[in-house]
Amino acid sequence: MDTTMLIKTKKDLKLKAQELASELGFSLTDIVNASLRQFVINQGITISKIPTERLDSYTNKKEILSAYKASLTEF
């Protein structure tokens, strides 16, 4: 069963995050859910100023999106 979360964040941060997520073929909900899953799996969070890898560096975004959506059924 899905649930709803209400969070407070800076408006400009939300807009930039939505724009980037959209460019990569995701919704902001997808990004938040993926982040929460990684937090649970890793039992912690890693925060870095330097991105280690960007999804737009891949040539087949549809394959990445398909794999991500398939992983949603694992939880």
PDB file of N, CA and C in Angstrom:
ATOM      1  N   MET A   1       0.834  -1.175   0.000  1.00  0.00           N
ATOM      2  CA  MET A   1       0.000   0.000   0.000  1.00  0.00           C
ATOM      3  C   MET A   1       0.887   1.249   0.000  1.00  0.00           C
ATOM      4  N   ASP A   2       0.585   2.184  -0.851  1.00  0.00           N
ATOM      5  CA  ASP A   2       1.348   3.429  -0.911  1.00  0.00           C
ATOM      6  C   ASP A   2       0.900   4.375   0.185  1.00  0.00           C
ATOM      7  N   THR A   3       1.785   5.275   0.549  1.00  0.00           N
ATOM      8  CA  THR A   3       1.476   6.298   1.538  1.00  0.00           C
ATOM      9  C   THR A   3       1.973   7.634   1.002  1.00  0.00           C
ATOM     10  N   THR A   4       1.530   8.699   1.608  1.00  0.00           N
ATOM     11  CA  THR A   4       1.919  10.037   1.191  1.00  0.00           C
ATOM     12  C   THR A   4       2.798  10.667   2.255  1.00  0.00           C
ATOM     13  N   MET A   5       3.871  11.321   1.799  1.00  0.00           N
ATOM     14  CA  MET A   5       4.755  12.051   2.706  1.00  0.00           C
ATOM     15  C   MET A   5       4.640  13.533   2.393  1.00  0.00           C
ATOM     16  N   LEU A   6       4.672  14.339   3.423  1.00  0.00           N
ATOM     17  CA  LEU A   6       4.679  15.785   3.250  1.00  0.00           C
ATOM     18  C   LEU A   6       6.010  16.282   3.791  1.00  0.00           C
ATOM     19  N   ILE A   7       6.821  16.886   2.921  1.00  0.00           N
ATOM     20  CA  ILE A   7       8.118  17.395   3.359  1.00  0.00           C
ATOM     21  C   ILE A   7       8.236  18.866   3.001  1.00  0.00           C
ATOM     22  N   LYS A   8       9.098  19.568   3.718  1.00  0.00           N
ATOM     23  CA  LYS A   8       9.376  20.967   3.403  1.00  0.00           C
ATOM     24  C   LYS A   8      10.769  21.043   2.805  1.00  0.00           C
ATOM     25  N   THR A   9      10.871  21.764   1.699  1.00  0.00           N
ATOM     26  CA  THR A   9      12.161  21.986   1.054  1.00  0.00           C
ATOM     27  C   THR A   9      12.121  23.349   0.381  1.00  0.00           C
ATOM     28  N   LYS A  10      13.246  23.819  -0.033  1.00  0.00           N
ATOM     29  CA  LYS A  10      13.322  25.108  -0.730  1.00  0.00           C
ATOM     30  C   LYS A  10      12.682  24.972  -2.108  1.00  0.00           C
ATOM     31  N   LYS A  11      11.908  25.992  -2.482  1.00  0.00           N
ATOM     32  CA  LYS A  11      11.187  25.960  -3.754  1.00  0.00           C
ATOM     33  C   LYS A  11      12.136  25.794  -4.939  1.00  0.00           C
ATOM     34  N   ASP A  12      13.250  26.544  -4.938  1.00  0.00           N
ATOM     35  CA  ASP A  12      14.174  26.452  -6.073  1.00  0.00           C
ATOM     36  C   ASP A  12      14.834  25.078  -6.151  1.00  0.00           C
ATOM     37  N   LEU A  13      15.097  24.459  -5.004  1.00  0.00           N
ATOM     38  CA  LEU A  13      15.668  23.110  -4.995  1.00  0.00           C
ATOM     39  C   LEU A  13      14.684  22.108  -5.593  1.00  0.00           C
ATOM     40  N   LYS A  14      13.416  22.226  -5.207  1.00  0.00           N
ATOM     41  CA  LYS A  14      12.388  21.326  -5.742  1.00  0.00           C
ATOM     42  C   LYS A  14      12.275  21.479  -7.259  1.00  0.00           C
ATOM     43  N   LEU A  15      12.253  22.711  -7.730  1.00  0.00           N
ATOM     44  CA  LEU A  15      12.109  22.948  -9.166  1.00  0.00           C
ATOM     45  C   LEU A  15      13.304  22.406  -9.949  1.00  0.00           C
ATOM     46  N   LYS A  16      14.520  22.623  -9.430  1.00  0.00           N
ATOM     47  CA  LYS A  16      15.717  22.102 -10.104  1.00  0.00           C
ATOM     48  C   LYS A  16      15.718  20.577 -10.106  1.00  0.00           C
ATOM     49  N   ALA A  17      15.307  19.985  -8.984  1.00  0.00           N
ATOM     50  CA  ALA A  17      15.259  18.520  -8.887  1.00  0.00           C
ATOM     51  C   ALA A  17      14.217  17.951  -9.845  1.00  0.00           C
ATOM     52  N   GLN A  18      13.051  18.584  -9.933  1.00  0.00           N
ATOM     53  CA  GLN A  18      12.010  18.124 -10.855  1.00  0.00           C
ATOM     54  C   GLN A  18      12.495  18.210 -12.299  1.00  0.00           C
ATOM     55  N   GLU A  19      13.171  19.296 -12.617  1.00  0.00           N
ATOM     56  CA  GLU A  19      13.664  19.487 -13.984  1.00  0.00           C
ATOM     57  C   GLU A  19      14.697  18.416 -14.344  1.00  0.00           C
ATOM     58  N   LEU A  20      15.643  18.173 -13.454  1.00  0.00           N
ATOM     59  CA  LEU A  20      16.669  17.166 -13.713  1.00  0.00           C
ATOM     60  C   LEU A  20      16.052  15.773 -13.808  1.00  0.00           C
ATOM     61  N   ALA A  21      15.150  15.458 -12.887  1.00  0.00           N
ATOM     62  CA  ALA A  21      14.488  14.149 -12.913  1.00  0.00           C
ATOM     63  C   ALA A  21      13.758  13.957 -14.240  1.00  0.00           C
ATOM     64  N   SER A  22      13.054  14.979 -14.670  1.00  0.00           N
ATOM     65  CA  SER A  22      12.312  14.910 -15.929  1.00  0.00           C
ATOM     66  C   SER A  22      13.251  14.709 -17.121  1.00  0.00           C
ATOM     67  N   GLU A  23      14.376  15.421 -17.130  1.00  0.00           N
ATOM     68  CA  GLU A  23      15.353  15.266 -18.210  1.00  0.00           C
ATOM     69  C   GLU A  23      15.868  13.832 -18.289  1.00  0.00           C
ATOM     70  N   LEU A  24      15.932  13.162 -17.141  1.00  0.00           N
ATOM     71  CA  LEU A  24      16.438  11.794 -17.087  1.00  0.00           C
ATOM     72  C   LEU A  24      15.337  10.753 -17.238  1.00  0.00           C
ATOM     73  N   GLY A  25      14.089  11.213 -17.377  1.00  0.00           N
ATOM     74  CA  GLY A  25      12.979  10.292 -17.597  1.00  0.00           C
ATOM     75  C   GLY A  25      12.334   9.768 -16.327  1.00  0.00           C
ATOM     76  N   PHE A  26      12.528  10.487 -15.220  1.00  0.00           N
ATOM     77  CA  PHE A  26      11.958  10.066 -13.940  1.00  0.00           C
ATOM     78  C   PHE A  26      11.043  11.146 -13.393  1.00  0.00           C
ATOM     79  N   SER A  27      10.203  10.758 -12.449  1.00  0.00           N
ATOM     80  CA  SER A  27       9.438  11.741 -11.692  1.00  0.00           C
ATOM     81  C   SER A  27      10.197  12.027 -10.401  1.00  0.00           C
ATOM     82  N   LEU A  28       9.852  13.100  -9.732  1.00  0.00           N
ATOM     83  CA  LEU A  28      10.487  13.403  -8.454  1.00  0.00           C
ATOM     84  C   LEU A  28      10.134  12.331  -7.427  1.00  0.00           C
ATOM     85  N   THR A  29       8.948  11.761  -7.528  1.00  0.00           N
ATOM     86  CA  THR A  29       8.556  10.647  -6.655  1.00  0.00           C
ATOM     87  C   THR A  29       9.482   9.457  -6.859  1.00  0.00           C
ATOM     88  N   ASP A  30       9.818   9.144  -8.119  1.00  0.00           N
ATOM     89  CA  ASP A  30      10.764   8.054  -8.397  1.00  0.00           C
ATOM     90  C   ASP A  30      12.099   8.304  -7.700  1.00  0.00           C
ATOM     91  N   ILE A  31      12.584   9.544  -7.772  1.00  0.00           N
ATOM     92  CA  ILE A  31      13.878   9.897  -7.183  1.00  0.00           C
ATOM     93  C   ILE A  31      13.835   9.778  -5.665  1.00  0.00           C
ATOM     94  N   VAL A  32      12.777  10.280  -5.047  1.00  0.00           N
ATOM     95  CA  VAL A  32      12.648  10.194  -3.585  1.00  0.00           C
ATOM     96  C   VAL A  32      12.557   8.735  -3.154  1.00  0.00           C
ATOM     97  N   ASN A  33      11.756   7.941  -3.852  1.00  0.00           N
ATOM     98  CA  ASN A  33      11.625   6.522  -3.497  1.00  0.00           C
ATOM     99  C   ASN A  33      12.946   5.775  -3.659  1.00  0.00           C
ATOM    100  N   ALA A  34      13.680   6.053  -4.730  1.00  0.00           N
ATOM    101  CA  ALA A  34      14.979   5.405  -4.931  1.00  0.00           C
ATOM    102  C   ALA A  34      15.945   5.803  -3.818  1.00  0.00           C
ATOM    103  N   SER A  35      15.924   7.064  -3.432  1.00  0.00           N
ATOM    104  CA  SER A  35      16.795   7.534  -2.351  1.00  0.00           C
ATOM    105  C   SER A  35      16.440   6.871  -1.029  1.00  0.00           C
ATOM    106  N   LEU A  36      15.156   6.743  -0.743  1.00  0.00           N
ATOM    107  CA  LEU A  36      14.728   6.081   0.494  1.00  0.00           C
ATOM    108  C   LEU A  36      15.121   4.610   0.494  1.00  0.00           C
ATOM    109  N   ARG A  37      14.978   3.949  -0.661  1.00  0.00           N
ATOM    110  CA  ARG A  37      15.383   2.541  -0.750  1.00  0.00           C
ATOM    111  C   ARG A  37      16.874   2.374  -0.478  1.00  0.00           C
ATOM    112  N   GLN A  38      17.686   3.236  -1.080  1.00  0.00           N
ATOM    113  CA  GLN A  38      19.130   3.161  -0.868  1.00  0.00           C
ATOM    114  C   GLN A  38      19.488   3.437   0.590  1.00  0.00           C
ATOM    115  N   PHE A  39      18.788   4.351   1.218  1.00  0.00           N
ATOM    116  CA  PHE A  39      19.008   4.653   2.629  1.00  0.00           C
ATOM    117  C   PHE A  39      18.749   3.415   3.487  1.00  0.00           C
ATOM    118  N   VAL A  40      17.668   2.708   3.194  1.00  0.00           N
ATOM    119  CA  VAL A  40      17.320   1.492   3.947  1.00  0.00           C
ATOM    120  C   VAL A  40      18.321   0.375   3.651  1.00  0.00           C
ATOM    121  N   ILE A  41      18.630   0.158   2.386  1.00  0.00           N
ATOM    122  CA  ILE A  41      19.559  -0.908   2.001  1.00  0.00           C
ATOM    123  C   ILE A  41      20.941  -0.681   2.619  1.00  0.00           C
ATOM    124  N   ASN A  42      21.439   0.556   2.543  1.00  0.00           N
ATOM    125  CA  ASN A  42      22.787   0.873   3.022  1.00  0.00           C
ATOM    126  C   ASN A  42      22.845   1.155   4.518  1.00  0.00           C
ATOM    127  N   GLN A  43      21.682   1.253   5.144  1.00  0.00           N
ATOM    128  CA  GLN A  43      21.616   1.602   6.567  1.00  0.00           C
ATOM    129  C   GLN A  43      22.337   2.918   6.840  1.00  0.00           C
ATOM    130  N   GLY A  44      22.257   3.828   5.905  1.00  0.00           N
ATOM    131  CA  GLY A  44      22.894   5.128   6.046  1.00  0.00           C
ATOM    132  C   GLY A  44      22.819   5.887   4.739  1.00  0.00           C
ATOM    133  N   ILE A  45      23.452   7.038   4.725  1.00  0.00           N
ATOM    134  CA  ILE A  45      23.400   7.889   3.540  1.00  0.00           C
ATOM    135  C   ILE A  45      24.794   8.424   3.229  1.00  0.00           C
ATOM    136  N   THR A  46      25.108   8.515   1.956  1.00  0.00           N
ATOM    137  CA  THR A  46      26.369   9.100   1.517  1.00  0.00           C
ATOM    138  C   THR A  46      26.048  10.402   0.798  1.00  0.00           C
ATOM    139  N   ILE A  47      26.668  11.470   1.238  1.00  0.00           N
ATOM    140  CA  ILE A  47      26.456  12.774   0.610  1.00  0.00           C
ATOM    141  C   ILE A  47      27.797  13.244   0.066  1.00  0.00           C
ATOM    142  N   SER A  48      27.804  13.602  -1.212  1.00  0.00           N
ATOM    143  CA  SER A  48      29.047  14.002  -1.865  1.00  0.00           C
ATOM    144  C   SER A  48      28.799  15.219  -2.742  1.00  0.00           C
ATOM    145  N   LYS A  49      29.754  16.131  -2.781  1.00  0.00           N
ATOM    146  CA  LYS A  49      29.655  17.289  -3.663  1.00  0.00           C
ATOM    147  C   LYS A  49      29.966  16.915  -5.103  1.00  0.00           C
ATOM    148  N   ILE A  50      30.722  15.854  -5.288  1.00  0.00           N
ATOM    149  CA  ILE A  50      31.140  15.446  -6.625  1.00  0.00           C
ATOM    150  C   ILE A  50      30.313  14.243  -7.065  1.00  0.00           C
ATOM    151  N   PRO A  51      29.498  14.391  -8.118  1.00  0.00           N
ATOM    152  CA  PRO A  51      28.724  13.232  -8.579  1.00  0.00           C
ATOM    153  C   PRO A  51      29.655  12.131  -9.075  1.00  0.00           C
ATOM    154  N   THR A  52      29.331  10.899  -8.705  1.00  0.00           N
ATOM    155  CA  THR A  52      30.162   9.784  -9.138  1.00  0.00           C
ATOM    156  C   THR A  52      29.776   9.306 -10.530  1.00  0.00           C
ATOM    157  N   GLU A  53      28.512   9.475 -10.888  1.00  0.00           N
ATOM    158  CA  GLU A  53      28.056   9.002 -12.190  1.00  0.00           C
ATOM    159  C   GLU A  53      26.725   9.675 -12.500  1.00  0.00           C
ATOM    160  N   ARG A  54      26.538  10.083 -13.724  1.00  0.00           N
ATOM    161  CA  ARG A  54      25.272  10.686 -14.133  1.00  0.00           C
ATOM    162  C   ARG A  54      24.565   9.747 -15.088  1.00  0.00           C
ATOM    163  N   LEU A  55      23.257   9.645 -14.909  1.00  0.00           N
ATOM    164  CA  LEU A  55      22.483   8.752 -15.766  1.00  0.00           C
ATOM    165  C   LEU A  55      22.515   9.177 -17.225  1.00  0.00           C
ATOM    166  N   ASP A  56      22.651  10.480 -17.479  1.00  0.00           N
ATOM    167  CA  ASP A  56      22.637  10.911 -18.876  1.00  0.00           C
ATOM    168  C   ASP A  56      23.918  10.533 -19.620  1.00  0.00           C
ATOM    169  N   SER A  57      24.880   9.956 -18.910  1.00  0.00           N
ATOM    170  CA  SER A  57      26.079   9.479 -19.596  1.00  0.00           C
ATOM    171  C   SER A  57      25.831   8.147 -20.295  1.00  0.00           C
ATOM    172  N   TYR A  58      24.738   7.501 -19.952  1.00  0.00           N
ATOM    173  CA  TYR A  58      24.383   6.243 -20.598  1.00  0.00           C
ATOM    174  C   TYR A  58      23.703   6.529 -21.927  1.00  0.00           C
ATOM    175  N   THR A  59      23.881   5.643 -22.870  1.00  0.00           N
ATOM    176  CA  THR A  59      23.280   5.849 -24.183  1.00  0.00           C
ATOM    177  C   THR A  59      21.863   5.303 -24.252  1.00  0.00           C
ATOM    178  N   ASN A  60      21.531   4.335 -23.422  1.00  0.00           N
ATOM    179  CA  ASN A  60      20.220   3.714 -23.487  1.00  0.00           C
ATOM    180  C   ASN A  60      19.427   3.997 -22.212  1.00  0.00           C
ATOM    181  N   LYS A  61      18.837   5.199 -22.136  1.00  0.00           N
ATOM    182  CA  LYS A  61      18.083   5.598 -20.950  1.00  0.00           C
ATOM    183  C   LYS A  61      16.853   4.725 -20.737  1.00  0.00           C
ATOM    184  N   LYS A  62      16.243   4.244 -21.819  1.00  0.00           N
ATOM    185  CA  LYS A  62      15.048   3.407 -21.682  1.00  0.00           C
ATOM    186  C   LYS A  62      15.370   2.119 -20.940  1.00  0.00           C
ATOM    187  N   GLU A  63      16.536   1.553 -21.196  1.00  0.00           N
ATOM    188  CA  GLU A  63      16.950   0.329 -20.514  1.00  0.00           C
ATOM    189  C   GLU A  63      17.154   0.589 -19.017  1.00  0.00           C
ATOM    190  N   ILE A  64      17.751   1.719 -18.695  1.00  0.00           N
ATOM    191  CA  ILE A  64      17.967   2.076 -17.288  1.00  0.00           C
ATOM    192  C   ILE A  64      16.630   2.275 -16.592  1.00  0.00           C
ATOM    193  N   LEU A  65      15.722   3.004 -17.230  1.00  0.00           N
ATOM    194  CA  LEU A  65      14.409   3.254 -16.649  1.00  0.00           C
ATOM    195  C   LEU A  65      13.642   1.953 -16.463  1.00  0.00           C
ATOM    196  N   SER A  66      13.721   1.069 -17.429  1.00  0.00           N
ATOM    197  CA  SER A  66      13.045  -0.222 -17.333  1.00  0.00           C
ATOM    198  C   SER A  66      13.588  -1.038 -16.161  1.00  0.00           C
ATOM    199  N   ALA A  67      14.903  -1.062 -16.006  1.00  0.00           N
ATOM    200  CA  ALA A  67      15.517  -1.802 -14.893  1.00  0.00           C
ATOM    201  C   ALA A  67      15.117  -1.193 -13.560  1.00  0.00           C
ATOM    202  N   TYR A  68      15.079   0.136 -13.500  1.00  0.00           N
ATOM    203  CA  TYR A  68      14.672   0.802 -12.261  1.00  0.00           C
ATOM    204  C   TYR A  68      13.228   0.457 -11.911  1.00  0.00           C
ATOM    205  N   LYS A  69      12.334   0.568 -12.881  1.00  0.00           N
ATOM    206  CA  LYS A  69      10.926   0.280 -12.610  1.00  0.00           C
ATOM    207  C   LYS A  69      10.723  -1.179 -12.213  1.00  0.00           C
ATOM    208  N   ALA A  70      11.487  -2.083 -12.804  1.00  0.00           N
ATOM    209  CA  ALA A  70      11.402  -3.495 -12.421  1.00  0.00           C
ATOM    210  C   ALA A  70      11.856  -3.684 -10.983  1.00  0.00           C
ATOM    211  N   SER A  71      12.842  -2.887 -10.551  1.00  0.00           N
ATOM    212  CA  SER A  71      13.346  -3.020  -9.180  1.00  0.00           C
ATOM    213  C   SER A  71      12.335  -2.539  -8.146  1.00  0.00           C
ATOM    214  N   LEU A  72      11.374  -1.741  -8.567  1.00  0.00           N
ATOM    215  CA  LEU A  72      10.370  -1.235  -7.624  1.00  0.00           C
ATOM    216  C   LEU A  72       9.528  -2.350  -7.030  1.00  0.00           C
ATOM    217  N   THR A  73       9.386  -3.437  -7.751  1.00  0.00           N
ATOM    218  CA  THR A  73       8.559  -4.543  -7.264  1.00  0.00           C
ATOM    219  C   THR A  73       9.277  -5.373  -6.209  1.00  0.00           C
ATOM    220  N   GLU A  74      10.580  -5.119  -6.004  1.00  0.00           N
ATOM    221  CA  GLU A  74      11.353  -5.882  -5.027  1.00  0.00           C
ATOM    222  C   GLU A  74      11.052  -5.472  -3.590  1.00  0.00           C
ATOM    223  N   PHE A  75      10.468  -4.317  -3.378  1.00  0.00           N
ATOM    224  CA  PHE A  75      10.204  -3.835  -2.019  1.00  0.00           C
ATOM    225  C   PHE A  75       8.733  -3.849  -1.705  1.00  0.00           C
TER     226      PHE A  75
END
